[in-house]
């Protein structure tokens, strides 16, 4: 039986943005879910002898948010949410990694968003390791987590007639990465 530390060989792994997605979802009006993505991002995983000693660093351009509705996207870029003009980058830096089982690990890290830094845990599942047709070694990773947007100063909301809130406080994070191992 293989372990997650054997599934991700040592080296530096960089997210391939064409084959990766940094997404989120949030309940809207208490009855539906709105999905969004960030179109511009970078992520790197550095793995040494042990996954527990690995390091994750990621950066997302806040203004690259899209929910497929331009008016909502502009509101999300505003000071009521991401304040993308004042805080153009959302960053995540791991503070620890804990192996859960043969294909799962938990990344603890500091998420800095809209000028606020909070600890956020992401559960990562290794999708596998493969060499692409051009000789690049790739690893697939699926990361999931959640956060309270109010913890980052995003408190805009509205009570609706049926008692639901316009926007849920809980935001689900869904990141799917195809990372390429650096040569050398």
N, C-alpha and C. Protein backbone atom coordinates (compact mmCIF):
# COMPACT_ATOMS: atom_id res chain seq x y z
N UNK A 1 0.84 -1.18 0.00
CA UNK A 1 0.00 0.00 0.00
C UNK A 1 0.89 1.24 0.00
N UNK A 2 0.63 2.17 -0.93
CA UNK A 2 1.44 3.38 -1.02
C UNK A 2 0.94 4.41 -0.02
N UNK A 3 1.78 5.36 0.27
CA UNK A 3 1.37 6.46 1.15
C UNK A 3 1.45 7.76 0.38
N UNK A 4 0.84 8.78 0.91
CA UNK A 4 0.82 10.07 0.25
C UNK A 4 2.25 10.59 0.07
N UNK A 5 3.16 10.25 0.98
CA UNK A 5 4.54 10.72 0.84
C UNK A 5 5.23 10.03 -0.32
N UNK A 6 4.77 8.86 -0.73
CA UNK A 6 5.33 8.21 -1.90
C UNK A 6 4.64 8.69 -3.17
N UNK A 7 3.43 9.20 -3.07
CA UNK A 7 2.69 9.66 -4.24
C UNK A 7 3.19 11.00 -4.77
N UNK A 8 3.80 11.80 -3.92
CA UNK A 8 4.33 13.09 -4.36
C UNK A 8 5.84 13.08 -4.12
N UNK A 9 6.61 12.80 -5.16
CA UNK A 9 8.07 12.76 -5.01
C UNK A 9 8.64 14.12 -4.62
N UNK A 10 9.84 14.10 -4.08
CA UNK A 10 10.51 15.34 -3.68
C UNK A 10 10.68 16.25 -4.89
N UNK A 11 10.70 17.53 -4.61
CA UNK A 11 10.90 18.51 -5.67
C UNK A 11 9.95 19.68 -5.52
N UNK A 12 10.02 20.56 -6.50
CA UNK A 12 9.14 21.72 -6.54
C UNK A 12 8.08 21.48 -7.61
N UNK A 13 6.84 21.61 -7.21
CA UNK A 13 5.68 21.39 -8.07
C UNK A 13 4.95 22.71 -8.25
N UNK A 14 4.68 23.10 -9.50
CA UNK A 14 4.04 24.37 -9.79
C UNK A 14 2.71 24.13 -10.49
N UNK A 15 1.67 24.81 -10.04
CA UNK A 15 0.34 24.66 -10.63
C UNK A 15 0.36 25.09 -12.09
N UNK A 16 -0.25 24.27 -12.92
CA UNK A 16 -0.45 24.58 -14.33
C UNK A 16 -1.81 25.27 -14.42
N UNK A 17 -1.85 26.61 -14.64
CA UNK A 17 -3.12 27.32 -14.59
C UNK A 17 -4.13 26.90 -15.66
N UNK A 18 -3.66 26.32 -16.74
CA UNK A 18 -4.55 25.89 -17.81
C UNK A 18 -5.32 24.62 -17.40
N UNK A 19 -4.75 23.85 -16.50
CA UNK A 19 -5.36 22.59 -16.06
C UNK A 19 -5.71 22.62 -14.57
N UNK A 20 -5.87 23.81 -14.02
CA UNK A 20 -6.17 23.97 -12.59
C UNK A 20 -7.29 24.98 -12.41
N UNK A 21 -7.98 24.88 -11.27
CA UNK A 21 -9.08 25.78 -10.96
C UNK A 21 -9.01 26.17 -9.48
N UNK A 22 -9.12 27.47 -9.20
CA UNK A 22 -9.24 27.97 -7.84
C UNK A 22 -10.67 28.50 -7.73
N UNK A 23 -11.52 27.73 -7.06
CA UNK A 23 -12.93 28.07 -7.02
C UNK A 23 -13.50 28.15 -5.62
N UNK A 24 -14.75 28.62 -5.56
CA UNK A 24 -15.47 28.74 -4.30
C UNK A 24 -16.96 28.65 -4.58
N UNK A 25 -17.71 28.44 -3.54
CA UNK A 25 -19.17 28.48 -3.65
C UNK A 25 -19.74 29.06 -2.35
N UNK A 26 -20.90 29.69 -2.48
CA UNK A 26 -21.55 30.31 -1.33
C UNK A 26 -23.06 30.25 -1.57
N UNK A 27 -23.80 30.01 -0.49
CA UNK A 27 -25.26 29.97 -0.59
C UNK A 27 -25.78 31.37 -0.84
N UNK A 28 -26.74 31.47 -1.74
CA UNK A 28 -27.34 32.74 -2.14
C UNK A 28 -28.82 32.71 -1.80
N UNK A 29 -29.27 33.64 -1.00
CA UNK A 29 -30.67 33.76 -0.57
C UNK A 29 -31.15 32.53 0.20
N UNK A 30 -30.23 31.70 0.65
CA UNK A 30 -30.58 30.51 1.41
C UNK A 30 -31.21 29.41 0.59
N UNK A 31 -31.31 29.60 -0.72
CA UNK A 31 -32.01 28.62 -1.56
C UNK A 31 -31.18 28.06 -2.72
N UNK A 32 -30.08 28.71 -3.07
CA UNK A 32 -29.28 28.29 -4.21
C UNK A 32 -27.80 28.49 -3.89
N UNK A 33 -26.94 27.98 -4.73
CA UNK A 33 -25.51 28.13 -4.54
C UNK A 33 -24.91 28.85 -5.73
N UNK A 34 -24.11 29.88 -5.47
CA UNK A 34 -23.38 30.60 -6.50
C UNK A 34 -21.95 30.09 -6.49
N UNK A 35 -21.43 29.78 -7.68
CA UNK A 35 -20.06 29.31 -7.82
C UNK A 35 -19.23 30.39 -8.49
N UNK A 36 -17.97 30.47 -8.11
CA UNK A 36 -17.07 31.44 -8.72
C UNK A 36 -15.67 30.87 -8.80
N UNK A 37 -14.85 31.51 -9.61
CA UNK A 37 -13.45 31.13 -9.76
C UNK A 37 -12.60 32.40 -9.81
N UNK A 38 -11.33 32.20 -9.57
CA UNK A 38 -10.33 33.24 -9.78
C UNK A 38 -9.54 32.80 -11.01
N UNK A 39 -9.47 33.67 -11.99
CA UNK A 39 -8.85 33.29 -13.26
C UNK A 39 -7.34 33.41 -13.28
N UNK A 40 -6.76 34.19 -12.37
CA UNK A 40 -5.31 34.37 -12.35
C UNK A 40 -4.76 34.01 -10.97
N UNK A 41 -3.87 33.03 -10.96
CA UNK A 41 -3.30 32.54 -9.70
C UNK A 41 -2.00 31.82 -9.97
N UNK A 42 -1.23 31.64 -8.90
CA UNK A 42 0.01 30.86 -8.92
C UNK A 42 0.03 30.03 -7.66
N UNK A 43 0.56 28.82 -7.74
CA UNK A 43 0.70 27.97 -6.55
C UNK A 43 1.93 27.10 -6.71
N UNK A 44 2.60 26.87 -5.58
CA UNK A 44 3.81 26.05 -5.58
C UNK A 44 3.82 25.16 -4.35
N UNK A 45 4.20 23.91 -4.56
CA UNK A 45 4.36 22.94 -3.48
C UNK A 45 5.80 22.47 -3.51
N UNK A 46 6.50 22.64 -2.40
CA UNK A 46 7.88 22.17 -2.28
C UNK A 46 7.88 20.98 -1.34
N UNK A 47 8.28 19.82 -1.87
CA UNK A 47 8.28 18.59 -1.09
C UNK A 47 9.72 18.14 -0.86
N UNK A 48 10.07 17.95 0.41
CA UNK A 48 11.38 17.44 0.76
C UNK A 48 11.30 15.95 1.04
N UNK A 49 12.07 15.49 1.99
CA UNK A 49 12.09 14.06 2.33
C UNK A 49 10.77 13.58 2.91
N UNK A 50 9.99 14.50 3.50
CA UNK A 50 8.73 14.14 4.13
C UNK A 50 7.67 15.16 3.76
N UNK A 51 6.46 14.69 3.48
CA UNK A 51 5.38 15.61 3.16
C UNK A 51 5.08 16.52 4.36
N UNK A 52 5.29 16.01 5.57
CA UNK A 52 5.05 16.81 6.76
C UNK A 52 5.95 18.05 6.80
N UNK A 53 7.06 18.01 6.07
CA UNK A 53 7.97 19.15 6.01
C UNK A 53 7.79 19.97 4.74
N UNK A 54 6.78 19.64 3.93
CA UNK A 54 6.54 20.35 2.67
C UNK A 54 6.03 21.75 2.95
N UNK A 55 6.06 22.56 1.90
CA UNK A 55 5.62 23.94 2.02
C UNK A 55 4.75 24.28 0.81
N UNK A 56 3.63 24.97 1.07
CA UNK A 56 2.72 25.42 0.04
C UNK A 56 2.68 26.93 0.05
N UNK A 57 2.78 27.54 -1.13
CA UNK A 57 2.62 28.98 -1.27
C UNK A 57 1.73 29.23 -2.48
N UNK A 58 0.76 30.10 -2.31
CA UNK A 58 -0.15 30.42 -3.41
C UNK A 58 -0.51 31.90 -3.37
N UNK A 59 -0.80 32.41 -4.55
CA UNK A 59 -1.21 33.81 -4.69
C UNK A 59 -2.29 33.88 -5.76
N UNK A 60 -3.33 34.65 -5.46
CA UNK A 60 -4.47 34.82 -6.36
C UNK A 60 -4.69 36.31 -6.57
N UNK A 61 -4.97 36.70 -7.81
CA UNK A 61 -5.32 38.09 -8.09
C UNK A 61 -6.80 38.28 -7.75
N UNK A 62 -7.08 39.08 -6.74
CA UNK A 62 -8.46 39.28 -6.28
C UNK A 62 -9.37 39.81 -7.40
N UNK A 63 -8.85 40.68 -8.24
CA UNK A 63 -9.67 41.27 -9.31
C UNK A 63 -10.02 40.27 -10.40
N UNK A 64 -9.40 39.10 -10.39
CA UNK A 64 -9.67 38.10 -11.43
C UNK A 64 -10.89 37.23 -11.11
N UNK A 65 -11.64 37.62 -10.08
CA UNK A 65 -12.83 36.86 -9.68
C UNK A 65 -13.89 36.91 -10.77
N UNK A 66 -14.54 35.78 -11.00
CA UNK A 66 -15.68 35.76 -11.90
C UNK A 66 -16.72 34.76 -11.38
N UNK A 67 -17.96 35.23 -11.39
CA UNK A 67 -19.10 34.38 -11.04
C UNK A 67 -20.06 34.30 -12.23
N UNK A 68 -19.60 34.75 -13.37
CA UNK A 68 -20.38 34.78 -14.62
C UNK A 68 -21.51 35.81 -14.58
N UNK A 69 -21.37 36.80 -13.72
CA UNK A 69 -22.36 37.89 -13.64
C UNK A 69 -21.58 39.16 -13.33
N UNK A 70 -21.39 40.02 -14.34
CA UNK A 70 -20.46 41.15 -14.23
C UNK A 70 -20.81 42.12 -13.10
N UNK A 71 -22.10 42.40 -12.88
CA UNK A 71 -22.47 43.34 -11.82
C UNK A 71 -22.09 42.76 -10.45
N UNK A 72 -22.35 41.47 -10.23
CA UNK A 72 -21.97 40.84 -8.97
C UNK A 72 -20.45 40.83 -8.82
N UNK A 73 -19.73 40.53 -9.92
CA UNK A 73 -18.27 40.49 -9.85
C UNK A 73 -17.70 41.84 -9.46
N UNK A 74 -18.25 42.93 -9.99
CA UNK A 74 -17.79 44.27 -9.62
C UNK A 74 -18.06 44.53 -8.13
N UNK A 75 -19.21 44.09 -7.64
CA UNK A 75 -19.52 44.25 -6.21
C UNK A 75 -18.53 43.46 -5.37
N UNK A 76 -18.18 42.24 -5.80
CA UNK A 76 -17.22 41.42 -5.06
C UNK A 76 -15.83 42.05 -5.05
N UNK A 77 -15.47 42.80 -6.06
CA UNK A 77 -14.16 43.49 -6.11
C UNK A 77 -14.15 44.73 -5.23
N UNK A 78 -15.32 45.21 -4.83
CA UNK A 78 -15.46 46.47 -4.09
C UNK A 78 -14.99 46.34 -2.64
N UNK A 79 -14.88 47.46 -1.92
CA UNK A 79 -14.49 47.44 -0.51
C UNK A 79 -15.44 46.64 0.39
N UNK A 80 -16.68 46.37 -0.05
CA UNK A 80 -17.60 45.58 0.77
C UNK A 80 -17.22 44.09 0.81
N UNK A 81 -16.37 43.69 -0.13
CA UNK A 81 -15.92 42.29 -0.16
C UNK A 81 -14.39 42.23 -0.24
N UNK A 82 -13.82 41.95 -1.40
CA UNK A 82 -12.37 41.72 -1.52
C UNK A 82 -11.54 42.99 -1.50
N UNK A 83 -12.14 44.14 -1.77
CA UNK A 83 -11.40 45.40 -1.83
C UNK A 83 -10.15 45.22 -2.70
N UNK A 84 -10.39 44.75 -3.92
CA UNK A 84 -9.31 44.33 -4.82
C UNK A 84 -8.35 45.46 -5.19
N UNK A 85 -8.83 46.69 -5.20
CA UNK A 85 -7.93 47.79 -5.53
C UNK A 85 -6.90 48.01 -4.42
N UNK A 86 -7.33 47.99 -3.18
CA UNK A 86 -6.42 48.20 -2.05
C UNK A 86 -5.62 46.94 -1.72
N UNK A 87 -6.22 45.76 -1.95
CA UNK A 87 -5.58 44.49 -1.60
C UNK A 87 -5.64 43.56 -2.82
N UNK A 88 -4.76 43.80 -3.80
CA UNK A 88 -4.85 43.08 -5.07
C UNK A 88 -4.53 41.59 -5.00
N UNK A 89 -3.79 41.16 -3.98
CA UNK A 89 -3.39 39.76 -3.89
C UNK A 89 -4.03 39.07 -2.69
N UNK A 90 -4.49 37.87 -2.91
CA UNK A 90 -4.91 36.96 -1.84
C UNK A 90 -3.79 35.93 -1.76
N UNK A 91 -3.23 35.73 -0.57
CA UNK A 91 -2.11 34.79 -0.45
C UNK A 91 -2.41 33.70 0.57
N UNK A 92 -1.77 32.57 0.37
CA UNK A 92 -1.89 31.44 1.29
C UNK A 92 -0.49 30.86 1.46
N UNK A 93 -0.06 30.73 2.72
CA UNK A 93 1.24 30.15 3.04
C UNK A 93 1.04 29.08 4.10
N UNK A 94 1.48 27.88 3.80
CA UNK A 94 1.29 26.79 4.76
C UNK A 94 2.10 27.01 6.02
N UNK A 95 1.54 26.54 7.13
CA UNK A 95 2.24 26.56 8.42
C UNK A 95 2.46 25.15 8.93
N UNK A 96 1.84 24.16 8.28
CA UNK A 96 2.01 22.77 8.67
C UNK A 96 1.20 21.85 7.77
N UNK A 97 1.68 20.63 7.64
CA UNK A 97 1.00 19.62 6.84
C UNK A 97 0.94 18.34 7.66
N UNK A 98 -0.25 17.75 7.70
CA UNK A 98 -0.45 16.51 8.47
C UNK A 98 -1.04 15.44 7.55
N UNK A 99 -0.36 14.31 7.48
CA UNK A 99 -0.83 13.20 6.67
C UNK A 99 -1.99 12.52 7.38
N UNK A 100 -3.10 12.29 6.66
CA UNK A 100 -4.29 11.66 7.23
C UNK A 100 -4.33 10.17 6.89
N UNK A 101 -4.15 9.85 5.61
CA UNK A 101 -4.15 8.45 5.18
C UNK A 101 -3.34 8.32 3.90
N UNK A 102 -3.53 7.23 3.18
CA UNK A 102 -2.69 6.93 2.02
C UNK A 102 -2.77 7.94 0.88
N UNK A 103 -3.85 8.71 0.82
CA UNK A 103 -3.96 9.68 -0.26
C UNK A 103 -4.47 11.04 0.18
N UNK A 104 -4.54 11.27 1.48
CA UNK A 104 -5.11 12.52 2.00
C UNK A 104 -4.17 13.17 3.00
N UNK A 105 -4.09 14.49 2.94
CA UNK A 105 -3.35 15.25 3.95
C UNK A 105 -4.06 16.57 4.19
N UNK A 106 -3.80 17.17 5.34
CA UNK A 106 -4.41 18.45 5.71
C UNK A 106 -3.31 19.51 5.73
N UNK A 107 -3.58 20.60 5.03
CA UNK A 107 -2.65 21.73 5.00
C UNK A 107 -3.22 22.81 5.90
N UNK A 108 -2.47 23.22 6.90
CA UNK A 108 -2.82 24.37 7.73
C UNK A 108 -2.02 25.54 7.20
N UNK A 109 -2.64 26.70 7.13
CA UNK A 109 -1.90 27.83 6.61
C UNK A 109 -2.55 29.15 6.91
N UNK A 110 -1.82 30.20 6.61
CA UNK A 110 -2.29 31.57 6.80
C UNK A 110 -2.83 32.09 5.48
N UNK A 111 -4.11 32.44 5.49
CA UNK A 111 -4.76 33.04 4.33
C UNK A 111 -4.86 34.53 4.58
N UNK A 112 -4.29 35.31 3.68
CA UNK A 112 -4.38 36.77 3.78
C UNK A 112 -5.29 37.26 2.66
N UNK A 113 -6.39 37.90 3.07
CA UNK A 113 -7.39 38.34 2.12
C UNK A 113 -8.01 39.64 2.62
N UNK A 114 -8.13 40.62 1.75
CA UNK A 114 -8.73 41.91 2.09
C UNK A 114 -8.08 42.55 3.31
N UNK A 115 -6.77 42.36 3.44
CA UNK A 115 -6.03 42.98 4.51
C UNK A 115 -6.08 42.26 5.85
N UNK A 116 -6.69 41.08 5.89
CA UNK A 116 -6.83 40.31 7.12
C UNK A 116 -6.17 38.94 6.92
N UNK A 117 -5.48 38.46 7.95
CA UNK A 117 -4.86 37.14 7.89
C UNK A 117 -5.50 36.24 8.94
N UNK A 118 -5.93 35.06 8.49
CA UNK A 118 -6.53 34.06 9.37
C UNK A 118 -5.99 32.68 8.99
N UNK A 119 -6.01 31.79 9.95
CA UNK A 119 -5.61 30.40 9.70
C UNK A 119 -6.76 29.66 9.03
N UNK A 120 -6.44 28.94 7.95
CA UNK A 120 -7.42 28.15 7.21
C UNK A 120 -6.83 26.78 6.91
N UNK A 121 -7.63 25.74 7.16
CA UNK A 121 -7.20 24.38 6.84
C UNK A 121 -7.85 23.91 5.55
N UNK A 122 -7.05 23.25 4.72
CA UNK A 122 -7.53 22.67 3.48
C UNK A 122 -7.23 21.17 3.50
N UNK A 123 -8.21 20.36 3.19
CA UNK A 123 -8.00 18.92 3.09
C UNK A 123 -7.64 18.61 1.65
N UNK A 124 -6.49 17.98 1.45
CA UNK A 124 -5.97 17.69 0.11
C UNK A 124 -6.03 16.19 -0.16
N UNK A 125 -6.48 15.86 -1.36
CA UNK A 125 -6.50 14.47 -1.81
C UNK A 125 -5.63 14.38 -3.06
N UNK A 126 -4.74 13.40 -3.07
CA UNK A 126 -3.87 13.19 -4.22
C UNK A 126 -4.63 12.39 -5.26
N UNK A 127 -4.75 12.97 -6.46
CA UNK A 127 -5.46 12.30 -7.54
C UNK A 127 -4.59 11.31 -8.29
N UNK A 128 -3.28 11.48 -8.20
CA UNK A 128 -2.37 10.57 -8.87
C UNK A 128 -1.17 11.29 -9.44
N UNK A 129 -0.29 10.49 -10.01
CA UNK A 129 0.96 10.98 -10.59
C UNK A 129 1.05 10.41 -12.00
N UNK A 130 1.43 11.26 -12.97
CA UNK A 130 1.51 10.80 -14.35
C UNK A 130 2.50 11.67 -15.11
N UNK A 131 3.07 11.12 -16.17
CA UNK A 131 3.93 11.87 -17.06
C UNK A 131 3.12 12.22 -18.30
N UNK A 132 3.07 13.51 -18.64
CA UNK A 132 2.28 13.93 -19.79
C UNK A 132 3.03 13.62 -21.10
N UNK A 133 2.39 13.82 -22.26
CA UNK A 133 3.02 13.49 -23.54
C UNK A 133 4.30 14.27 -23.85
N UNK A 134 4.56 15.36 -23.13
CA UNK A 134 5.74 16.17 -23.36
C UNK A 134 6.85 15.90 -22.35
N UNK A 135 6.67 14.86 -21.53
CA UNK A 135 7.68 14.46 -20.57
C UNK A 135 7.62 15.13 -19.22
N UNK A 136 6.58 15.94 -18.96
CA UNK A 136 6.44 16.60 -17.67
C UNK A 136 5.80 15.66 -16.66
N UNK A 137 6.43 15.55 -15.49
CA UNK A 137 5.84 14.76 -14.41
C UNK A 137 4.80 15.64 -13.71
N UNK A 138 3.57 15.11 -13.56
CA UNK A 138 2.46 15.87 -12.98
C UNK A 138 1.87 15.13 -11.80
N UNK A 139 1.33 15.92 -10.87
CA UNK A 139 0.55 15.37 -9.77
C UNK A 139 -0.79 16.12 -9.75
N UNK A 140 -1.85 15.38 -9.50
CA UNK A 140 -3.16 15.99 -9.38
C UNK A 140 -3.54 16.10 -7.91
N UNK A 141 -4.03 17.26 -7.51
CA UNK A 141 -4.43 17.51 -6.13
C UNK A 141 -5.80 18.16 -6.10
N UNK A 142 -6.61 17.71 -5.18
CA UNK A 142 -7.93 18.29 -4.95
C UNK A 142 -7.93 18.81 -3.52
N UNK A 143 -8.17 20.10 -3.33
CA UNK A 143 -8.16 20.70 -2.00
C UNK A 143 -9.54 21.27 -1.69
N UNK A 144 -10.01 20.99 -0.48
CA UNK A 144 -11.33 21.47 -0.06
C UNK A 144 -11.23 22.07 1.34
N UNK A 145 -12.05 23.07 1.59
CA UNK A 145 -12.10 23.70 2.90
C UNK A 145 -13.25 24.68 2.94
N UNK A 146 -13.32 25.42 4.03
CA UNK A 146 -14.34 26.46 4.15
C UNK A 146 -13.82 27.55 5.07
N UNK A 147 -14.47 28.69 4.98
CA UNK A 147 -14.11 29.82 5.84
C UNK A 147 -15.35 30.65 6.09
N UNK A 148 -15.27 31.49 7.10
CA UNK A 148 -16.32 32.45 7.40
C UNK A 148 -15.86 33.78 6.83
N UNK A 149 -16.60 34.29 5.85
CA UNK A 149 -16.18 35.53 5.18
C UNK A 149 -16.14 36.72 6.13
N UNK A 150 -16.96 36.68 7.18
CA UNK A 150 -16.96 37.74 8.18
C UNK A 150 -15.63 37.85 8.91
N UNK A 151 -14.91 36.72 9.03
CA UNK A 151 -13.60 36.74 9.66
C UNK A 151 -12.60 37.59 8.88
N UNK A 152 -12.92 37.86 7.61
CA UNK A 152 -12.05 38.67 6.76
C UNK A 152 -12.65 40.05 6.49
N UNK A 153 -13.61 40.44 7.33
CA UNK A 153 -14.21 41.77 7.22
C UNK A 153 -15.27 41.90 6.13
N UNK A 154 -15.68 40.79 5.56
CA UNK A 154 -16.70 40.81 4.50
C UNK A 154 -18.07 40.58 5.13
N UNK A 155 -18.66 41.66 5.60
CA UNK A 155 -19.90 41.53 6.38
C UNK A 155 -21.13 42.01 5.64
N UNK A 156 -20.99 42.49 4.40
CA UNK A 156 -22.16 42.92 3.64
C UNK A 156 -23.21 41.82 3.62
N UNK A 157 -24.46 42.17 3.88
CA UNK A 157 -25.55 41.20 3.82
C UNK A 157 -26.87 41.94 3.84
N UNK A 158 -27.93 41.17 3.65
CA UNK A 158 -29.28 41.73 3.69
C UNK A 158 -30.24 40.63 4.11
N UNK A 159 -31.10 40.92 5.08
CA UNK A 159 -32.13 39.99 5.51
C UNK A 159 -33.27 40.04 4.51
N UNK A 160 -33.68 38.87 4.05
CA UNK A 160 -34.77 38.78 3.07
C UNK A 160 -36.09 38.52 3.76
N UNK A 161 -37.18 38.72 3.05
CA UNK A 161 -38.53 38.59 3.60
C UNK A 161 -38.83 37.23 4.20
N UNK A 162 -38.27 36.17 3.65
CA UNK A 162 -38.51 34.82 4.17
C UNK A 162 -37.61 34.46 5.34
N UNK A 163 -36.77 35.39 5.79
CA UNK A 163 -35.89 35.13 6.92
C UNK A 163 -34.49 34.69 6.53
N UNK A 164 -34.27 34.43 5.25
CA UNK A 164 -32.93 34.05 4.79
C UNK A 164 -32.06 35.28 4.61
N UNK A 165 -30.75 35.06 4.65
CA UNK A 165 -29.81 36.13 4.36
C UNK A 165 -29.47 36.08 2.88
N UNK A 166 -29.16 37.23 2.30
CA UNK A 166 -28.83 37.31 0.89
C UNK A 166 -27.60 36.45 0.57
N UNK A 167 -26.55 36.54 1.43
CA UNK A 167 -25.31 35.81 1.20
C UNK A 167 -24.94 35.06 2.48
N UNK A 168 -24.64 33.78 2.36
CA UNK A 168 -24.21 32.99 3.51
C UNK A 168 -22.86 33.49 4.03
N UNK A 169 -22.65 33.32 5.31
CA UNK A 169 -21.34 33.65 5.88
C UNK A 169 -20.29 32.60 5.52
N UNK A 170 -20.73 31.36 5.30
CA UNK A 170 -19.81 30.26 5.00
C UNK A 170 -19.49 30.21 3.51
N UNK A 171 -18.21 30.20 3.21
CA UNK A 171 -17.74 30.08 1.83
C UNK A 171 -16.97 28.77 1.73
N UNK A 172 -17.37 27.94 0.77
CA UNK A 172 -16.68 26.67 0.53
C UNK A 172 -15.61 26.88 -0.51
N UNK A 173 -14.44 26.33 -0.24
CA UNK A 173 -13.28 26.45 -1.13
C UNK A 173 -13.12 25.14 -1.88
N UNK A 174 -12.93 25.23 -3.21
CA UNK A 174 -12.73 24.06 -4.05
C UNK A 174 -11.61 24.35 -5.03
N UNK A 175 -10.45 23.72 -4.80
CA UNK A 175 -9.27 23.95 -5.63
C UNK A 175 -8.86 22.62 -6.25
N UNK A 176 -8.71 22.62 -7.56
CA UNK A 176 -8.25 21.44 -8.28
C UNK A 176 -6.98 21.83 -9.03
N UNK A 177 -5.90 21.12 -8.72
CA UNK A 177 -4.59 21.49 -9.24
C UNK A 177 -3.96 20.34 -10.02
N UNK A 178 -3.42 20.68 -11.18
CA UNK A 178 -2.50 19.81 -11.89
C UNK A 178 -1.15 20.53 -11.81
N UNK A 179 -0.24 19.95 -11.05
CA UNK A 179 1.05 20.60 -10.81
C UNK A 179 2.16 19.86 -11.56
N UNK A 180 3.10 20.63 -12.09
CA UNK A 180 4.22 20.09 -12.85
C UNK A 180 5.48 20.17 -12.00
N UNK A 181 6.22 19.08 -11.98
CA UNK A 181 7.48 19.03 -11.23
C UNK A 181 8.56 19.75 -12.02
N UNK A 182 9.29 20.63 -11.35
CA UNK A 182 10.38 21.36 -11.99
C UNK A 182 11.52 20.42 -12.30
N UNK A 183 12.15 20.64 -13.44
CA UNK A 183 13.31 19.82 -13.83
C UNK A 183 14.50 20.20 -12.94
N UNK A 184 15.32 19.23 -12.71
CA UNK A 184 16.56 19.49 -11.99
C UNK A 184 16.59 19.05 -10.62
